[in-house]
Amino acid sequence: MKNVQMAKLMRQIVREEGYQGLFRGLVPRVAKVAPACAIMISSYEVGKAFFAGRATQIEEAQALKEMAGAELV
């Protein structure tokens, strides 16, 4: 039912304002959303790199412990 209403609404917008009416407000919306997306993606990448480095440090520490334990036996 909603799809039918949306199609009807889009036809009405095209009839009254032309195809440009479908894209009205696109530039302000992109200007609003793009910085937030950039921050989110950057934060994800920084967090991923941080935790990947931390995992490597933990693996290296465990390997050193195993080597030290093998030498004591």
PDB file of N, CA and C in Angstrom:
ATOM      1  N   MET A   1       0.829  -1.191   0.000  1.00  0.00           N
ATOM      2  CA  MET A   1       0.000   0.000   0.000  1.00  0.00           C
ATOM      3  C   MET A   1       0.870   1.250   0.000  1.00  0.00           C
ATOM      4  N   LYS A   2       1.944   1.247   0.802  1.00  0.00           N
ATOM      5  CA  LYS A   2       2.800   2.431   0.874  1.00  0.00           C
ATOM      6  C   LYS A   2       3.497   2.691  -0.451  1.00  0.00           C
ATOM      7  N   ASN A   3       3.881   1.617  -1.168  1.00  0.00           N
ATOM      8  CA  ASN A   3       4.542   1.805  -2.452  1.00  0.00           C
ATOM      9  C   ASN A   3       3.629   2.514  -3.434  1.00  0.00           C
ATOM     10  N   VAL A   4       2.352   2.196  -3.404  1.00  0.00           N
ATOM     11  CA  VAL A   4       1.377   2.833  -4.288  1.00  0.00           C
ATOM     12  C   VAL A   4       1.265   4.309  -3.936  1.00  0.00           C
ATOM     13  N   GLN A   5       1.224   4.613  -2.649  1.00  0.00           N
ATOM     14  CA  GLN A   5       1.126   6.003  -2.224  1.00  0.00           C
ATOM     15  C   GLN A   5       2.383   6.780  -2.599  1.00  0.00           C
ATOM     16  N   MET A   6       3.559   6.138  -2.478  1.00  0.00           N
ATOM     17  CA  MET A   6       4.795   6.829  -2.821  1.00  0.00           C
ATOM     18  C   MET A   6       4.839   7.128  -4.319  1.00  0.00           C
ATOM     19  N   ALA A   7       4.448   6.160  -5.126  1.00  0.00           N
ATOM     20  CA  ALA A   7       4.430   6.376  -6.573  1.00  0.00           C
ATOM     21  C   ALA A   7       3.472   7.512  -6.923  1.00  0.00           C
ATOM     22  N   LYS A   8       2.327   7.541  -6.275  1.00  0.00           N
ATOM     23  CA  LYS A   8       1.342   8.602  -6.518  1.00  0.00           C
ATOM     24  C   LYS A   8       1.922   9.959  -6.129  1.00  0.00           C
ATOM     25  N   LEU A   9       2.598   9.998  -4.981  1.00  0.00           N
ATOM     26  CA  LEU A   9       3.215  11.239  -4.515  1.00  0.00           C
ATOM     27  C   LEU A   9       4.313  11.703  -5.472  1.00  0.00           C
ATOM     28  N   MET A  10       5.131  10.764  -5.946  1.00  0.00           N
ATOM     29  CA  MET A  10       6.202  11.142  -6.888  1.00  0.00           C
ATOM     30  C   MET A  10       5.620  11.684  -8.192  1.00  0.00           C
ATOM     31  N   ARG A  11       4.560  11.055  -8.686  1.00  0.00           N
ATOM     32  CA  ARG A  11       3.918  11.563  -9.907  1.00  0.00           C
ATOM     33  C   ARG A  11       3.380  12.971  -9.692  1.00  0.00           C
ATOM     34  N   GLN A  12       2.820  13.219  -8.521  1.00  0.00           N
ATOM     35  CA  GLN A  12       2.290  14.546  -8.216  1.00  0.00           C
ATOM     36  C   GLN A  12       3.415  15.579  -8.179  1.00  0.00           C
ATOM     37  N   ILE A  13       4.547  15.232  -7.580  1.00  0.00           N
ATOM     38  CA  ILE A  13       5.685  16.162  -7.520  1.00  0.00           C
ATOM     39  C   ILE A  13       6.178  16.459  -8.918  1.00  0.00           C
ATOM     40  N   VAL A  14       6.319  15.426  -9.749  1.00  0.00           N
ATOM     41  CA  VAL A  14       6.784  15.633 -11.128  1.00  0.00           C
ATOM     42  C   VAL A  14       5.787  16.494 -11.886  1.00  0.00           C
ATOM     43  N   ARG A  15       4.507  16.277 -11.697  1.00  0.00           N
ATOM     44  CA  ARG A  15       3.477  17.052 -12.385  1.00  0.00           C
ATOM     45  C   ARG A  15       3.530  18.528 -11.981  1.00  0.00           C
ATOM     46  N   GLU A  16       3.687  18.786 -10.667  1.00  0.00           N
ATOM     47  CA  GLU A  16       3.625  20.162 -10.181  1.00  0.00           C
ATOM     48  C   GLU A  16       4.953  20.910 -10.275  1.00  0.00           C
ATOM     49  N   GLU A  17       6.076  20.204 -10.059  1.00  0.00           N
ATOM     50  CA  GLU A  17       7.373  20.891  -9.988  1.00  0.00           C
ATOM     51  C   GLU A  17       8.376  20.407 -11.019  1.00  0.00           C
ATOM     52  N   GLY A  18       8.047  19.380 -11.771  1.00  0.00           N
ATOM     53  CA  GLY A  18       8.975  18.807 -12.731  1.00  0.00           C
ATOM     54  C   GLY A  18       9.926  17.839 -12.024  1.00  0.00           C
ATOM     55  N   TYR A  19      10.805  17.248 -12.828  1.00  0.00           N
ATOM     56  CA  TYR A  19      11.739  16.272 -12.266  1.00  0.00           C
ATOM     57  C   TYR A  19      12.706  16.904 -11.275  1.00  0.00           C
ATOM     58  N   GLN A  20      12.962  18.191 -11.429  1.00  0.00           N
ATOM     59  CA  GLN A  20      13.849  18.876 -10.483  1.00  0.00           C
ATOM     60  C   GLN A  20      13.271  18.852  -9.074  1.00  0.00           C
ATOM     61  N   GLY A  21      11.952  18.789  -8.966  1.00  0.00           N
ATOM     62  CA  GLY A  21      11.306  18.735  -7.656  1.00  0.00           C
ATOM     63  C   GLY A  21      11.672  17.495  -6.869  1.00  0.00           C
ATOM     64  N   LEU A  22      12.007  16.412  -7.579  1.00  0.00           N
ATOM     65  CA  LEU A  22      12.408  15.180  -6.890  1.00  0.00           C
ATOM     66  C   LEU A  22      13.771  15.325  -6.214  1.00  0.00           C
ATOM     67  N   PHE A  23      14.586  16.245  -6.707  1.00  0.00           N
ATOM     68  CA  PHE A  23      15.944  16.403  -6.183  1.00  0.00           C
ATOM     69  C   PHE A  23      16.121  17.676  -5.371  1.00  0.00           C
ATOM     70  N   ARG A  24      15.031  18.378  -5.132  1.00  0.00           N
ATOM     71  CA  ARG A  24      15.101  19.598  -4.343  1.00  0.00           C
ATOM     72  C   ARG A  24      15.573  19.256  -2.937  1.00  0.00           C
ATOM     73  N   GLY A  25      16.558  19.992  -2.449  1.00  0.00           N
ATOM     74  CA  GLY A  25      17.077  19.759  -1.111  1.00  0.00           C
ATOM     75  C   GLY A  25      18.198  18.744  -1.049  1.00  0.00           C
ATOM     76  N   LEU A  26      18.595  18.199  -2.197  1.00  0.00           N
ATOM     77  CA  LEU A  26      19.644  17.182  -2.199  1.00  0.00           C
ATOM     78  C   LEU A  26      20.991  17.756  -1.771  1.00  0.00           C
ATOM     79  N   VAL A  27      21.357  18.925  -2.285  1.00  0.00           N
ATOM     80  CA  VAL A  27      22.661  19.519  -1.958  1.00  0.00           C
ATOM     81  C   VAL A  27      22.765  19.849  -0.464  1.00  0.00           C
ATOM     82  N   PRO A  28      21.777  20.496   0.144  1.00  0.00           N
ATOM     83  CA  PRO A  28      21.889  20.729   1.591  1.00  0.00           C
ATOM     84  C   PRO A  28      21.947  19.429   2.394  1.00  0.00           C
ATOM     85  N   ARG A  29      21.218  18.416   1.963  1.00  0.00           N
ATOM     86  CA  ARG A  29      21.222  17.130   2.681  1.00  0.00           C
ATOM     87  C   ARG A  29      22.606  16.485   2.605  1.00  0.00           C
ATOM     88  N   VAL A  30      23.201  16.499   1.418  1.00  0.00           N
ATOM     89  CA  VAL A  30      24.545  15.923   1.268  1.00  0.00           C
ATOM     90  C   VAL A  30      25.550  16.725   2.082  1.00  0.00           C
ATOM     91  N   ALA A  31      25.417  18.049   2.078  1.00  0.00           N
ATOM     92  CA  ALA A  31      26.323  18.889   2.860  1.00  0.00           C
ATOM     93  C   ALA A  31      26.176  18.610   4.353  1.00  0.00           C
ATOM     94  N   LYS A  32      25.007  18.194   4.784  1.00  0.00           N
ATOM     95  CA  LYS A  32      24.784  17.879   6.194  1.00  0.00           C
ATOM     96  C   LYS A  32      25.307  16.492   6.552  1.00  0.00           C
ATOM     97  N   VAL A  33      25.073  15.519   5.698  1.00  0.00           N
ATOM     98  CA  VAL A  33      25.368  14.121   6.014  1.00  0.00           C
ATOM     99  C   VAL A  33      26.819  13.736   5.719  1.00  0.00           C
ATOM    100  N   ALA A  34      27.422  14.305   4.698  1.00  0.00           N
ATOM    101  CA  ALA A  34      28.769  13.904   4.285  1.00  0.00           C
ATOM    102  C   ALA A  34      29.813  14.050   5.401  1.00  0.00           C
ATOM    103  N   PRO A  35      29.867  15.167   6.127  1.00  0.00           N
ATOM    104  CA  PRO A  35      30.869  15.260   7.207  1.00  0.00           C
ATOM    105  C   PRO A  35      30.669  14.195   8.290  1.00  0.00           C
ATOM    106  N   ALA A  36      29.433  13.897   8.625  1.00  0.00           N
ATOM    107  CA  ALA A  36      29.178  12.874   9.637  1.00  0.00           C
ATOM    108  C   ALA A  36      29.649  11.507   9.154  1.00  0.00           C
ATOM    109  N   CYS A  37      29.422  11.206   7.895  1.00  0.00           N
ATOM    110  CA  CYS A  37      29.881   9.929   7.341  1.00  0.00           C
ATOM    111  C   CYS A  37      31.402   9.868   7.317  1.00  0.00           C
ATOM    112  N   ALA A  38      32.040  10.977   6.963  1.00  0.00           N
ATOM    113  CA  ALA A  38      33.505  11.010   6.938  1.00  0.00           C
ATOM    114  C   ALA A  38      34.074  10.775   8.334  1.00  0.00           C
ATOM    115  N   ILE A  39      33.474  11.379   9.345  1.00  0.00           N
ATOM    116  CA  ILE A  39      33.930  11.189  10.724  1.00  0.00           C
ATOM    117  C   ILE A  39      33.724   9.741  11.148  1.00  0.00           C
ATOM    118  N   MET A  40      32.578   9.163  10.812  1.00  0.00           N
ATOM    119  CA  MET A  40      32.292   7.789  11.202  1.00  0.00           C
ATOM    120  C   MET A  40      33.280   6.817  10.558  1.00  0.00           C
ATOM    121  N   ILE A  41      33.537   6.976   9.272  1.00  0.00           N
ATOM    122  CA  ILE A  41      34.460   6.080   8.577  1.00  0.00           C
ATOM    123  C   ILE A  41      35.876   6.249   9.106  1.00  0.00           C
ATOM    124  N   SER A  42      36.290   7.483   9.352  1.00  0.00           N
ATOM    125  CA  SER A  42      37.625   7.732   9.888  1.00  0.00           C
ATOM    126  C   SER A  42      37.775   7.122  11.275  1.00  0.00           C
ATOM    127  N   SER A  43      36.773   7.274  12.108  1.00  0.00           N
ATOM    128  CA  SER A  43      36.813   6.696  13.453  1.00  0.00           C
ATOM    129  C   SER A  43      36.912   5.181  13.389  1.00  0.00           C
ATOM    130  N   TYR A  44      36.184   4.584  12.480  1.00  0.00           N
ATOM    131  CA  TYR A  44      36.229   3.132  12.317  1.00  0.00           C
ATOM    132  C   TYR A  44      37.633   2.686  11.925  1.00  0.00           C
ATOM    133  N   GLU A  45      38.232   3.382  10.959  1.00  0.00           N
ATOM    134  CA  GLU A  45      39.559   2.996  10.496  1.00  0.00           C
ATOM    135  C   GLU A  45      40.610   3.166  11.591  1.00  0.00           C
ATOM    136  N   VAL A  46      40.519   4.252  12.350  1.00  0.00           N
ATOM    137  CA  VAL A  46      41.470   4.479  13.443  1.00  0.00           C
ATOM    138  C   VAL A  46      41.294   3.401  14.513  1.00  0.00           C
ATOM    139  N   GLY A  47      40.068   3.092  14.870  1.00  0.00           N
ATOM    140  CA  GLY A  47      39.811   2.051  15.859  1.00  0.00           C
ATOM    141  C   GLY A  47      40.280   0.687  15.401  1.00  0.00           C
ATOM    142  N   LYS A  48      40.042   0.388  14.131  1.00  0.00           N
ATOM    143  CA  LYS A  48      40.480  -0.891  13.585  1.00  0.00           C
ATOM    144  C   LYS A  48      41.995  -1.017  13.636  1.00  0.00           C
ATOM    145  N   ALA A  49      42.703   0.055  13.261  1.00  0.00           N
ATOM    146  CA  ALA A  49      44.166   0.036  13.297  1.00  0.00           C
ATOM    147  C   ALA A  49      44.664  -0.083  14.736  1.00  0.00           C
ATOM    148  N   PHE A  50      44.020   0.611  15.662  1.00  0.00           N
ATOM    149  CA  PHE A  50      44.433   0.564  17.067  1.00  0.00           C
ATOM    150  C   PHE A  50      44.305  -0.855  17.614  1.00  0.00           C
ATOM    151  N   PHE A  51      43.148  -1.463  17.406  1.00  0.00           N
ATOM    152  CA  PHE A  51      42.926  -2.787  17.960  1.00  0.00           C
ATOM    153  C   PHE A  51      43.736  -3.855  17.230  1.00  0.00           C
ATOM    154  N   ALA A  52      44.003  -3.669  15.959  1.00  0.00           N
ATOM    155  CA  ALA A  52      44.863  -4.614  15.234  1.00  0.00           C
ATOM    156  C   ALA A  52      46.283  -4.548  15.801  1.00  0.00           C
ATOM    157  N   GLY A  53      46.760  -3.332  16.084  1.00  0.00           N
ATOM    158  CA  GLY A  53      48.089  -3.180  16.685  1.00  0.00           C
ATOM    159  C   GLY A  53      48.134  -3.774  18.074  1.00  0.00           C
ATOM    160  N   ARG A  54      47.069  -3.609  18.817  1.00  0.00           N
ATOM    161  CA  ARG A  54      46.997  -4.162  20.175  1.00  0.00           C
ATOM    162  C   ARG A  54      46.995  -5.686  20.128  1.00  0.00           C
ATOM    163  N   ALA A  55      46.295  -6.268  19.178  1.00  0.00           N
ATOM    164  CA  ALA A  55      46.264  -7.722  19.038  1.00  0.00           C
ATOM    165  C   ALA A  55      47.663  -8.248  18.700  1.00  0.00           C
ATOM    166  N   THR A  56      48.378  -7.514  17.857  1.00  0.00           N
ATOM    167  CA  THR A  56      49.741  -7.913  17.498  1.00  0.00           C
ATOM    168  C   THR A  56      50.638  -7.874  18.725  1.00  0.00           C
ATOM    169  N   GLN A  57      50.490  -6.853  19.552  1.00  0.00           N
ATOM    170  CA  GLN A  57      51.290  -6.748  20.778  1.00  0.00           C
ATOM    171  C   GLN A  57      50.995  -7.918  21.712  1.00  0.00           C
ATOM    172  N   ILE A  58      49.747  -8.299  21.837  1.00  0.00           N
ATOM    173  CA  ILE A  58      49.369  -9.412  22.715  1.00  0.00           C
ATOM    174  C   ILE A  58      49.958 -10.718  22.189  1.00  0.00           C
ATOM    175  N   GLU A  59      49.892 -10.916  20.871  1.00  0.00           N
ATOM    176  CA  GLU A  59      50.451 -12.124  20.275  1.00  0.00           C
ATOM    177  C   GLU A  59      51.959 -12.191  20.497  1.00  0.00           C
ATOM    178  N   GLU A  60      52.648 -11.056  20.347  1.00  0.00           N
ATOM    179  CA  GLU A  60      54.087 -11.023  20.561  1.00  0.00           C
ATOM    180  C   GLU A  60      54.430 -11.325  22.017  1.00  0.00           C
ATOM    181  N   ALA A  61      53.644 -10.780  22.940  1.00  0.00           N
ATOM    182  CA  ALA A  61      53.883 -11.037  24.365  1.00  0.00           C
ATOM    183  C   ALA A  61      53.677 -12.512  24.682  1.00  0.00           C
ATOM    184  N   GLN A  62      52.659 -13.122  24.122  1.00  0.00           N
ATOM    185  CA  GLN A  62      52.415 -14.544  24.362  1.00  0.00           C
ATOM    186  C   GLN A  62      53.545 -15.391  23.788  1.00  0.00           C
ATOM    187  N   ALA A  63      54.035 -15.025  22.614  1.00  0.00           N
ATOM    188  CA  ALA A  63      55.147 -15.768  22.007  1.00  0.00           C
ATOM    189  C   ALA A  63      56.389 -15.658  22.881  1.00  0.00           C
ATOM    190  N   LEU A  64      56.656 -14.475  23.437  1.00  0.00           N
ATOM    191  CA  LEU A  64      57.804 -14.304  24.323  1.00  0.00           C
ATOM    192  C   LEU A  64      57.650 -15.147  25.584  1.00  0.00           C
ATOM    193  N   LYS A  65      56.459 -15.189  26.141  1.00  0.00           N
ATOM    194  CA  LYS A  65      56.199 -15.996  27.333  1.00  0.00           C
ATOM    195  C   LYS A  65      56.448 -17.485  27.038  1.00  0.00           C
ATOM    196  N   GLU A  66      55.966 -17.915  25.873  1.00  0.00           N
ATOM    197  CA  GLU A  66      56.164 -19.330  25.495  1.00  0.00           C
ATOM    198  C   GLU A  66      57.634 -19.640  25.316  1.00  0.00           C
ATOM    199  N   MET A  67      58.364 -18.721  24.698  1.00  0.00           N
ATOM    200  CA  MET A  67      59.801 -18.932  24.499  1.00  0.00           C
ATOM    201  C   MET A  67      60.521 -18.955  25.838  1.00  0.00           C
ATOM    202  N   ALA A  68      60.141 -18.072  26.725  1.00  0.00           N
ATOM    203  CA  ALA A  68      60.775 -18.022  28.050  1.00  0.00           C
ATOM    204  C   ALA A  68      60.440 -19.286  28.829  1.00  0.00           C
ATOM    205  N   GLY A  69      59.225 -19.767  28.733  1.00  0.00           N
ATOM    206  CA  GLY A  69      58.836 -20.989  29.428  1.00  0.00           C
ATOM    207  C   GLY A  69      59.560 -22.199  28.883  1.00  0.00           C
ATOM    208  N   ALA A  70      59.799 -22.237  27.586  1.00  0.00           N
ATOM    209  CA  ALA A  70      60.495 -23.377  26.964  1.00  0.00           C
ATOM    210  C   ALA A  70      61.956 -23.394  27.412  1.00  0.00           C
ATOM    211  N   GLU A  71      62.551 -22.242  27.617  1.00  0.00           N
ATOM    212  CA  GLU A  71      63.953 -22.169  28.030  1.00  0.00           C
ATOM    213  C   GLU A  71      64.123 -22.607  29.466  1.00  0.00           C
ATOM    214  N   LEU A  72      63.108 -22.438  30.294  1.00  0.00           N
ATOM    215  CA  LEU A  72      63.212 -22.798  31.696  1.00  0.00           C
ATOM    216  C   LEU A  72      63.102 -24.301  31.908  1.00  0.00           C
ATOM    217  N   VAL A  73      62.472 -24.992  30.990  1.00  0.00           N
ATOM    218  CA  VAL A  73      62.264 -26.433  31.166  1.00  0.00           C
ATOM    219  C   VAL A  73      63.478 -27.210  30.817  1.00  0.00           C
TER     220      VAL A  73
END
